[in-house]
Each structure stands twice: as structure tokens, then as C-alpha cells.
N, C-alpha and C. Protein backbone atom coordinates (compact mmCIF):
# COMPACT_ATOMS: atom_id res chain seq x y z
N UNK A 1 0.84 -1.17 0.00
CA UNK A 1 0.00 0.00 0.00
C UNK A 1 0.89 1.25 0.00
N UNK A 2 0.53 2.17 -0.86
CA UNK A 2 1.33 3.39 -0.99
C UNK A 2 0.90 4.42 0.03
N UNK A 3 1.82 5.22 0.44
CA UNK A 3 1.54 6.32 1.36
C UNK A 3 0.94 7.48 0.55
N UNK A 4 -0.14 8.08 1.06
CA UNK A 4 -0.72 9.20 0.31
C UNK A 4 0.27 10.36 0.20
N UNK A 5 0.21 11.02 -0.92
CA UNK A 5 1.10 12.16 -1.14
C UNK A 5 0.66 13.34 -0.27
N UNK A 6 1.61 14.17 0.15
CA UNK A 6 1.27 15.33 0.97
C UNK A 6 0.29 16.28 0.28
N UNK A 7 0.38 16.41 -1.03
CA UNK A 7 -0.53 17.29 -1.77
C UNK A 7 -1.97 16.81 -1.60
N UNK A 8 -2.17 15.51 -1.63
CA UNK A 8 -3.51 14.94 -1.46
C UNK A 8 -4.03 15.22 -0.05
N UNK A 9 -3.18 15.06 0.94
CA UNK A 9 -3.60 15.28 2.33
C UNK A 9 -3.94 16.75 2.55
N UNK A 10 -3.12 17.65 2.04
CA UNK A 10 -3.39 19.09 2.17
C UNK A 10 -4.69 19.44 1.46
N UNK A 11 -4.90 18.92 0.26
CA UNK A 11 -6.13 19.20 -0.49
C UNK A 11 -7.35 18.69 0.27
N UNK A 12 -7.25 17.50 0.82
CA UNK A 12 -8.35 16.92 1.59
C UNK A 12 -8.65 17.77 2.83
N UNK A 13 -7.61 18.26 3.50
CA UNK A 13 -7.79 19.11 4.67
C UNK A 13 -8.48 20.43 4.30
N UNK A 14 -8.08 21.02 3.18
CA UNK A 14 -8.69 22.27 2.71
C UNK A 14 -10.17 22.06 2.41
N UNK A 15 -10.50 20.96 1.76
CA UNK A 15 -11.90 20.66 1.45
C UNK A 15 -12.70 20.45 2.74
N UNK A 16 -12.12 19.75 3.71
CA UNK A 16 -12.81 19.50 4.98
C UNK A 16 -13.06 20.81 5.73
N UNK A 17 -12.04 21.67 5.79
CA UNK A 17 -12.20 22.97 6.46
C UNK A 17 -13.25 23.80 5.73
N UNK A 18 -13.23 23.80 4.42
CA UNK A 18 -14.23 24.54 3.64
C UNK A 18 -15.64 24.04 3.91
N UNK A 19 -15.81 22.74 4.04
CA UNK A 19 -17.13 22.18 4.33
C UNK A 19 -17.62 22.60 5.71
N UNK A 20 -16.73 22.58 6.69
CA UNK A 20 -17.10 23.00 8.05
C UNK A 20 -17.49 24.48 8.06
N UNK A 21 -16.72 25.31 7.38
CA UNK A 21 -17.02 26.74 7.30
C UNK A 21 -18.36 26.97 6.59
N UNK A 22 -18.60 26.26 5.51
CA UNK A 22 -19.84 26.42 4.74
C UNK A 22 -21.07 26.05 5.56
N UNK A 23 -20.92 25.13 6.48
CA UNK A 23 -22.05 24.72 7.33
C UNK A 23 -22.18 25.65 8.54
N UNK A 24 -21.09 26.11 9.10
CA UNK A 24 -21.09 26.88 10.34
C UNK A 24 -21.44 28.36 10.14
N UNK A 25 -20.86 29.00 9.15
CA UNK A 25 -21.01 30.44 8.97
C UNK A 25 -22.47 30.87 8.80
N UNK A 26 -23.28 30.24 7.95
CA UNK A 26 -24.67 30.69 7.84
C UNK A 26 -25.45 30.58 9.16
N UNK A 27 -25.17 29.56 9.94
CA UNK A 27 -25.84 29.42 11.24
C UNK A 27 -25.46 30.54 12.19
N UNK A 28 -24.17 30.87 12.21
CA UNK A 28 -23.70 31.96 13.07
C UNK A 28 -24.32 33.29 12.62
N UNK A 29 -24.33 33.54 11.31
CA UNK A 29 -24.91 34.78 10.79
C UNK A 29 -26.40 34.87 11.11
N UNK A 30 -27.12 33.75 11.02
CA UNK A 30 -28.55 33.74 11.37
C UNK A 30 -28.76 34.08 12.84
N UNK A 31 -27.91 33.53 13.70
CA UNK A 31 -28.02 33.81 15.13
C UNK A 31 -27.74 35.28 15.43
N UNK A 32 -26.70 35.83 14.82
CA UNK A 32 -26.37 37.25 15.02
C UNK A 32 -27.49 38.12 14.49
N UNK A 33 -28.01 37.80 13.32
CA UNK A 33 -29.10 38.55 12.72
C UNK A 33 -30.34 38.53 13.62
N UNK A 34 -30.67 37.37 14.15
CA UNK A 34 -31.81 37.25 15.06
C UNK A 34 -31.62 38.07 16.32
N UNK A 35 -30.40 38.08 16.84
CA UNK A 35 -30.11 38.87 18.04
C UNK A 35 -30.27 40.36 17.76
N UNK A 36 -29.73 40.83 16.63
CA UNK A 36 -29.83 42.25 16.29
C UNK A 36 -31.28 42.67 16.03
N UNK A 37 -32.05 41.80 15.41
CA UNK A 37 -33.47 42.10 15.18
C UNK A 37 -34.21 42.19 16.50
N UNK A 38 -33.92 41.27 17.41
CA UNK A 38 -34.56 41.29 18.74
C UNK A 38 -34.18 42.57 19.49
N UNK A 39 -32.94 43.02 19.34
CA UNK A 39 -32.51 44.26 19.98
C UNK A 39 -33.28 45.45 19.42
N UNK A 40 -33.48 45.48 18.11
CA UNK A 40 -34.23 46.57 17.49
C UNK A 40 -35.68 46.58 17.99
N UNK A 41 -36.31 45.42 18.05
CA UNK A 41 -37.69 45.33 18.54
C UNK A 41 -37.76 45.76 20.00
N UNK A 42 -36.78 45.37 20.80
CA UNK A 42 -36.74 45.75 22.21
C UNK A 42 -36.62 47.27 22.36
N UNK A 43 -35.74 47.87 21.57
CA UNK A 43 -35.59 49.34 21.64
C UNK A 43 -36.86 50.06 21.20
N UNK A 44 -37.50 49.54 20.16
CA UNK A 44 -38.74 50.14 19.71
C UNK A 44 -39.85 50.02 20.74
N UNK A 45 -39.95 48.86 21.37
CA UNK A 45 -40.99 48.64 22.38
C UNK A 45 -40.74 49.48 23.63
N UNK A 46 -39.48 49.81 23.92
CA UNK A 46 -39.15 50.60 25.10
C UNK A 46 -39.38 52.10 24.89
N UNK A 47 -39.59 52.51 23.66
CA UNK A 47 -39.78 53.94 23.37
C UNK A 47 -41.09 54.41 23.99
N UNK A 48 -41.06 55.45 24.82
CA UNK A 48 -42.31 55.92 25.44
C UNK A 48 -43.22 56.59 24.41
N UNK A 49 -44.52 56.50 24.67
CA UNK A 49 -45.49 57.17 23.80
C UNK A 49 -45.27 58.68 23.88
N UNK A 50 -45.41 59.39 22.77
CA UNK A 50 -45.31 60.85 22.82
C UNK A 50 -46.42 61.43 23.70
N UNK A 51 -46.18 62.61 24.26
CA UNK A 51 -47.19 63.26 25.10
C UNK A 51 -48.50 63.41 24.32
N UNK A 52 -49.59 63.03 24.96
CA UNK A 52 -50.91 63.17 24.35
C UNK A 52 -51.26 62.08 23.35
N UNK A 53 -50.43 61.06 23.24
CA UNK A 53 -50.67 60.00 22.24
C UNK A 53 -51.75 59.04 22.71
N UNK A 54 -52.48 58.52 21.74
CA UNK A 54 -53.51 57.51 21.97
C UNK A 54 -53.18 56.33 21.07
N UNK A 55 -53.24 55.13 21.62
CA UNK A 55 -52.93 53.95 20.82
C UNK A 55 -54.01 53.74 19.77
N UNK A 56 -53.59 53.41 18.54
CA UNK A 56 -54.51 53.13 17.45
C UNK A 56 -54.46 51.65 17.11
N UNK A 57 -55.58 51.14 16.60
CA UNK A 57 -55.65 49.71 16.28
C UNK A 57 -55.72 49.44 14.79
N UNK A 58 -55.92 50.43 13.97
CA UNK A 58 -56.11 50.21 12.54
C UNK A 58 -54.86 50.27 11.70
N UNK A 59 -53.70 50.12 12.30
CA UNK A 59 -52.45 50.22 11.55
C UNK A 59 -52.04 48.87 10.98
N UNK A 60 -51.53 48.89 9.76
CA UNK A 60 -51.05 47.67 9.11
C UNK A 60 -49.70 47.97 8.48
N UNK A 61 -48.63 47.64 9.19
CA UNK A 61 -47.27 47.90 8.72
C UNK A 61 -46.44 46.66 9.04
N UNK A 62 -45.49 46.33 8.18
CA UNK A 62 -44.60 45.21 8.46
C UNK A 62 -43.81 45.46 9.74
N UNK A 63 -43.69 44.44 10.56
CA UNK A 63 -42.91 44.50 11.80
C UNK A 63 -43.33 45.65 12.71
N UNK A 64 -44.64 45.86 12.81
CA UNK A 64 -45.19 46.95 13.61
C UNK A 64 -44.94 46.70 15.09
N UNK A 65 -44.42 47.72 15.78
CA UNK A 65 -44.21 47.66 17.22
C UNK A 65 -45.30 48.44 17.93
N UNK A 66 -45.65 49.61 17.40
CA UNK A 66 -46.68 50.44 18.02
C UNK A 66 -47.28 51.37 16.97
N UNK A 67 -48.47 51.85 17.28
CA UNK A 67 -49.17 52.78 16.39
C UNK A 67 -49.94 53.76 17.27
N UNK A 68 -49.70 55.05 17.07
CA UNK A 68 -50.30 56.06 17.92
C UNK A 68 -50.92 57.18 17.09
N UNK A 69 -51.92 57.82 17.67
CA UNK A 69 -52.47 59.05 17.14
C UNK A 69 -52.17 60.15 18.14
N UNK A 70 -51.74 61.31 17.67
CA UNK A 70 -51.35 62.40 18.56
C UNK A 70 -51.96 63.70 18.04
N UNK A 71 -52.55 64.49 18.93
CA UNK A 71 -53.12 65.78 18.55
C UNK A 71 -52.08 66.89 18.69
N UNK A 72 -50.95 66.72 18.00
CA UNK A 72 -49.87 67.70 18.02
C UNK A 72 -49.28 67.79 16.62
N UNK A 73 -48.45 68.78 16.42
CA UNK A 73 -47.81 68.98 15.11
C UNK A 73 -46.86 67.83 14.79
N UNK A 74 -46.79 67.47 13.53
CA UNK A 74 -45.96 66.36 13.07
C UNK A 74 -44.50 66.55 13.46
N UNK A 75 -43.95 67.73 13.22
CA UNK A 75 -42.53 67.99 13.52
C UNK A 75 -42.25 67.88 15.01
N UNK A 76 -43.19 68.32 15.86
CA UNK A 76 -43.00 68.21 17.32
C UNK A 76 -42.97 66.76 17.77
N UNK A 77 -43.87 65.96 17.23
CA UNK A 77 -43.92 64.53 17.58
C UNK A 77 -42.64 63.84 17.11
N UNK A 78 -42.19 64.16 15.90
CA UNK A 78 -40.95 63.57 15.37
C UNK A 78 -39.76 63.94 16.25
N UNK A 79 -39.72 65.18 16.73
CA UNK A 79 -38.63 65.61 17.61
C UNK A 79 -38.65 64.83 18.92
N UNK A 80 -39.83 64.60 19.49
CA UNK A 80 -39.95 63.80 20.71
C UNK A 80 -39.45 62.37 20.48
N UNK A 81 -39.85 61.78 19.36
CA UNK A 81 -39.42 60.41 19.06
C UNK A 81 -37.91 60.34 18.86
N UNK A 82 -37.35 61.33 18.17
CA UNK A 82 -35.90 61.36 17.96
C UNK A 82 -35.17 61.49 19.29
N UNK A 83 -35.70 62.30 20.19
CA UNK A 83 -35.07 62.45 21.51
C UNK A 83 -35.13 61.13 22.27
N UNK A 84 -36.25 60.43 22.19
CA UNK A 84 -36.38 59.14 22.87
C UNK A 84 -35.46 58.08 22.30
N UNK A 85 -35.36 58.02 20.98
CA UNK A 85 -34.48 57.03 20.35
C UNK A 85 -33.01 57.40 20.50
N UNK A 86 -32.73 58.69 20.48
CA UNK A 86 -31.34 59.14 20.61
C UNK A 86 -30.78 58.93 21.99
N UNK A 87 -31.65 58.75 22.99
CA UNK A 87 -31.20 58.53 24.36
C UNK A 87 -30.62 57.14 24.54
N UNK A 88 -30.88 56.23 23.62
CA UNK A 88 -30.34 54.87 23.74
C UNK A 88 -28.89 54.87 23.27
N UNK A 89 -28.11 53.97 23.82
CA UNK A 89 -26.70 53.88 23.44
C UNK A 89 -26.56 53.15 22.11
N UNK A 90 -25.63 53.59 21.31
CA UNK A 90 -25.32 52.91 20.05
C UNK A 90 -26.28 53.28 18.95
N UNK A 91 -25.84 53.04 17.74
CA UNK A 91 -26.68 53.31 16.58
C UNK A 91 -26.50 54.73 16.08
N UNK A 92 -26.99 54.96 14.88
CA UNK A 92 -26.93 56.27 14.24
C UNK A 92 -28.35 56.76 14.07
N UNK A 93 -28.63 57.96 14.55
CA UNK A 93 -29.98 58.51 14.49
C UNK A 93 -30.12 59.46 13.31
N UNK A 94 -31.17 59.26 12.53
CA UNK A 94 -31.48 60.15 11.41
C UNK A 94 -32.91 60.64 11.58
N UNK A 95 -33.13 61.91 11.26
CA UNK A 95 -34.48 62.47 11.28
C UNK A 95 -34.64 63.34 10.05
N UNK A 96 -35.77 63.20 9.38
CA UNK A 96 -36.02 63.98 8.18
C UNK A 96 -37.49 64.35 8.12
N UNK A 97 -37.76 65.63 7.91
CA UNK A 97 -39.13 66.10 7.70
C UNK A 97 -39.16 66.84 6.37
N UNK A 98 -40.19 66.59 5.60
CA UNK A 98 -40.32 67.28 4.33
C UNK A 98 -41.80 67.56 4.07
N UNK A 99 -42.03 68.65 3.36
CA UNK A 99 -43.41 69.02 3.04
C UNK A 99 -43.98 68.02 2.04
N UNK A 100 -45.23 67.67 2.24
CA UNK A 100 -45.90 66.74 1.34
C UNK A 100 -47.34 67.19 1.15
N UNK A 101 -47.89 66.91 0.01
CA UNK A 101 -49.27 67.29 -0.29
C UNK A 101 -50.19 66.26 0.37
N UNK A 102 -51.03 66.70 1.31
CA UNK A 102 -51.91 65.78 2.03
C UNK A 102 -53.36 65.91 1.58
N UNK A 103 -53.66 66.95 0.87
CA UNK A 103 -54.98 67.18 0.28
C UNK A 103 -54.76 68.10 -0.91
N UNK A 104 -55.73 68.18 -1.83
CA UNK A 104 -55.51 69.00 -3.03
C UNK A 104 -55.10 70.45 -2.72
N UNK A 105 -55.52 70.97 -1.60
CA UNK A 105 -55.23 72.36 -1.28
C UNK A 105 -54.43 72.52 0.01
N UNK A 106 -53.76 71.45 0.45
CA UNK A 106 -53.09 71.51 1.75
C UNK A 106 -51.76 70.75 1.72
N UNK A 107 -50.72 71.43 2.19
CA UNK A 107 -49.40 70.84 2.32
C UNK A 107 -49.06 70.75 3.80
N UNK A 108 -48.38 69.71 4.21
CA UNK A 108 -47.99 69.55 5.61
C UNK A 108 -46.69 68.77 5.67
N UNK A 109 -46.03 68.84 6.83
CA UNK A 109 -44.83 68.05 7.04
C UNK A 109 -45.18 66.58 7.19
N UNK A 110 -44.33 65.73 6.69
CA UNK A 110 -44.34 64.30 6.98
C UNK A 110 -42.91 63.97 7.38
N UNK A 111 -42.74 63.20 8.45
CA UNK A 111 -41.40 62.97 8.98
C UNK A 111 -41.13 61.48 9.15
N UNK A 112 -39.85 61.15 9.14
CA UNK A 112 -39.45 59.82 9.57
C UNK A 112 -38.23 59.97 10.47
N UNK A 113 -38.19 59.11 11.47
CA UNK A 113 -37.07 59.07 12.40
C UNK A 113 -36.54 57.64 12.35
N UNK A 114 -35.24 57.49 12.20
CA UNK A 114 -34.66 56.17 11.99
C UNK A 114 -33.43 56.01 12.88
N UNK A 115 -33.46 55.01 13.75
CA UNK A 115 -32.28 54.65 14.53
C UNK A 115 -31.65 53.45 13.84
N UNK A 116 -30.53 53.67 13.18
CA UNK A 116 -29.86 52.62 12.41
C UNK A 116 -28.93 51.84 13.35
N UNK A 117 -29.18 50.54 13.42
CA UNK A 117 -28.33 49.65 14.20
C UNK A 117 -27.41 48.90 13.24
N UNK A 118 -26.84 47.82 13.68
CA UNK A 118 -25.90 47.07 12.84
C UNK A 118 -26.61 46.20 11.82
N UNK A 119 -25.91 45.93 10.72
CA UNK A 119 -26.32 44.97 9.69
C UNK A 119 -27.74 45.19 9.16
N UNK A 120 -28.12 46.43 8.96
CA UNK A 120 -29.40 46.73 8.32
C UNK A 120 -30.60 46.72 9.25
N UNK A 121 -30.40 46.53 10.53
CA UNK A 121 -31.52 46.55 11.47
C UNK A 121 -31.68 47.95 12.03
N UNK A 122 -32.88 48.24 12.53
CA UNK A 122 -33.11 49.54 13.10
C UNK A 122 -34.53 49.70 13.58
N UNK A 123 -34.80 50.88 14.13
CA UNK A 123 -36.13 51.26 14.59
C UNK A 123 -36.58 52.42 13.71
N UNK A 124 -37.76 52.28 13.13
CA UNK A 124 -38.28 53.28 12.21
C UNK A 124 -39.57 53.87 12.76
N UNK A 125 -39.66 55.19 12.82
CA UNK A 125 -40.90 55.86 13.20
C UNK A 125 -41.32 56.73 12.03
N UNK A 126 -42.50 56.45 11.51
CA UNK A 126 -43.06 57.24 10.41
C UNK A 126 -44.16 58.12 10.99
N UNK A 127 -44.01 59.42 10.86
CA UNK A 127 -44.95 60.38 11.43
C UNK A 127 -45.63 61.11 10.29
N UNK A 128 -46.92 60.86 10.13
CA UNK A 128 -47.69 61.45 9.03
C UNK A 128 -48.79 62.34 9.58
N UNK A 129 -49.17 63.37 8.84
CA UNK A 129 -50.25 64.23 9.30
C UNK A 129 -51.60 63.52 9.24
N UNK A 130 -52.44 63.83 10.22
CA UNK A 130 -53.82 63.37 10.21
C UNK A 130 -54.66 64.51 9.65
N UNK A 131 -55.42 64.23 8.60
CA UNK A 131 -56.18 65.27 7.91
C UNK A 131 -57.67 65.00 8.07
N UNK A 132 -58.41 66.04 8.44
CA UNK A 132 -59.88 65.98 8.53
C UNK A 132 -60.45 67.19 7.81
N UNK A 133 -61.75 67.20 7.68
CA UNK A 133 -62.44 68.35 7.10
C UNK A 133 -63.01 69.20 8.22
N UNK A 134 -62.87 70.53 8.10
CA UNK A 134 -63.48 71.40 9.09
C UNK A 134 -64.94 71.64 8.74
N UNK A 135 -65.61 72.50 9.50
CA UNK A 135 -67.05 72.74 9.29
C UNK A 135 -67.35 73.37 7.93
N UNK A 136 -66.36 74.00 7.31
CA UNK A 136 -66.55 74.59 5.99
C UNK A 136 -66.20 73.62 4.86
N UNK A 137 -65.78 72.42 5.21
CA UNK A 137 -65.42 71.43 4.19
C UNK A 137 -63.99 71.54 3.70
N UNK A 138 -63.19 72.38 4.35
CA UNK A 138 -61.78 72.54 3.96
C UNK A 138 -60.93 71.52 4.71
N UNK A 139 -59.88 71.04 4.06
CA UNK A 139 -58.97 70.09 4.70
C UNK A 139 -58.08 70.80 5.71
N UNK A 140 -57.96 70.21 6.89
CA UNK A 140 -57.09 70.76 7.93
C UNK A 140 -56.31 69.61 8.58
N UNK A 141 -55.09 69.92 8.99
CA UNK A 141 -54.28 68.95 9.71
C UNK A 141 -54.68 69.03 11.18
N UNK A 142 -55.09 67.89 11.74
CA UNK A 142 -55.57 67.87 13.13
C UNK A 142 -54.60 67.19 14.08
N UNK A 143 -53.52 66.66 13.58
CA UNK A 143 -52.57 65.98 14.45
C UNK A 143 -51.62 65.13 13.64
N UNK A 144 -51.13 64.09 14.29
CA UNK A 144 -50.15 63.21 13.65
C UNK A 144 -50.49 61.76 13.93
N UNK A 145 -50.11 60.92 12.98
CA UNK A 145 -50.24 59.48 13.12
C UNK A 145 -48.84 58.88 13.09
N UNK A 146 -48.53 58.04 14.08
CA UNK A 146 -47.19 57.47 14.21
C UNK A 146 -47.25 55.96 14.03
N UNK A 147 -46.43 55.44 13.13
CA UNK A 147 -46.25 54.00 12.97
C UNK A 147 -44.81 53.69 13.35
N UNK A 148 -44.63 52.84 14.34
CA UNK A 148 -43.31 52.49 14.83
C UNK A 148 -43.01 51.04 14.47
N UNK A 149 -41.96 50.84 13.70
CA UNK A 149 -41.57 49.49 13.26
C UNK A 149 -40.13 49.22 13.66
N UNK A 150 -39.81 47.95 13.78
CA UNK A 150 -38.43 47.57 14.08
C UNK A 150 -38.11 46.28 13.34
N UNK A 151 -36.94 46.23 12.74
CA UNK A 151 -36.48 45.00 12.09
C UNK A 151 -34.99 45.02 11.96
């Protein structure tokens, strides 16, 4: 019986190590991803409701953590949410408000606040104006609607 050549043994070892890595790495990445997602959901759930907020039940958003209605200006509510999210350690906080057409004759701010965590996870707060009609039939902004998601 011949002794195996060193090249064969080295090649076999490389293939074995590659197989172990191919099986192990995806499992480790899944575990890390699950941990980071759970951290984002935990941070979102810990965020206090803005002053004057009322919980809403009619919200349908992916990975919804909370949904509130607030009788305050959109930019003020977004600032409160940014302050609450910014108080947590770690992550990068972004806030953006821009004017948007909410009715044919009415423009209002719409804001989003985003706490970016690692590997694409984060806490997202979307703050949109609540629009109703006044007694004259004109569109008016009466408050803000907040959808809080985490993933």
C-alpha cells in the first residue's frame, strides 16, 4: 500500500475545512441577525409614547411595534421620538421632515425618524399628518399618526 502524497492530504484538509465553514457560517450569521433584530424590537418597544398620544388599532405595517395618534404637530412629535431614540446607546440617528401634499389644497410636514443599528436593522418611526375636514369642508391637519416598526 502506498503512502498518500502530501498534496492529497493538504487538499483533503482544505476541502474539509471549507465544508465546516460552509455549514457553520450561515448558522452563526442567522443567530447574530436574530439577536440584532430582537434588539431593534426591544428598543422600539421601550420607546415611550409621545405626550398626548392615543394607541390606534387600525395600523397595518410590516414588523409593527406600536401605532399612535397624537393631537400635536408632526414635527413636534418627530422631535420627541428622535429624543427618545437618541437617548439609547449605540446606533446612528437620522431624522427627516419634508413638506408633502396631504390634500388638493393643503401641504404639511411628513417625517421619519430612523435609529440605524448594525447589519441593516433599526427602529423606524413614520410620522404622518392626520387630515380631517373642518365645518366649511376645507382640509385641515388635526394631528399626527405614528407607525413604529423595528427590524
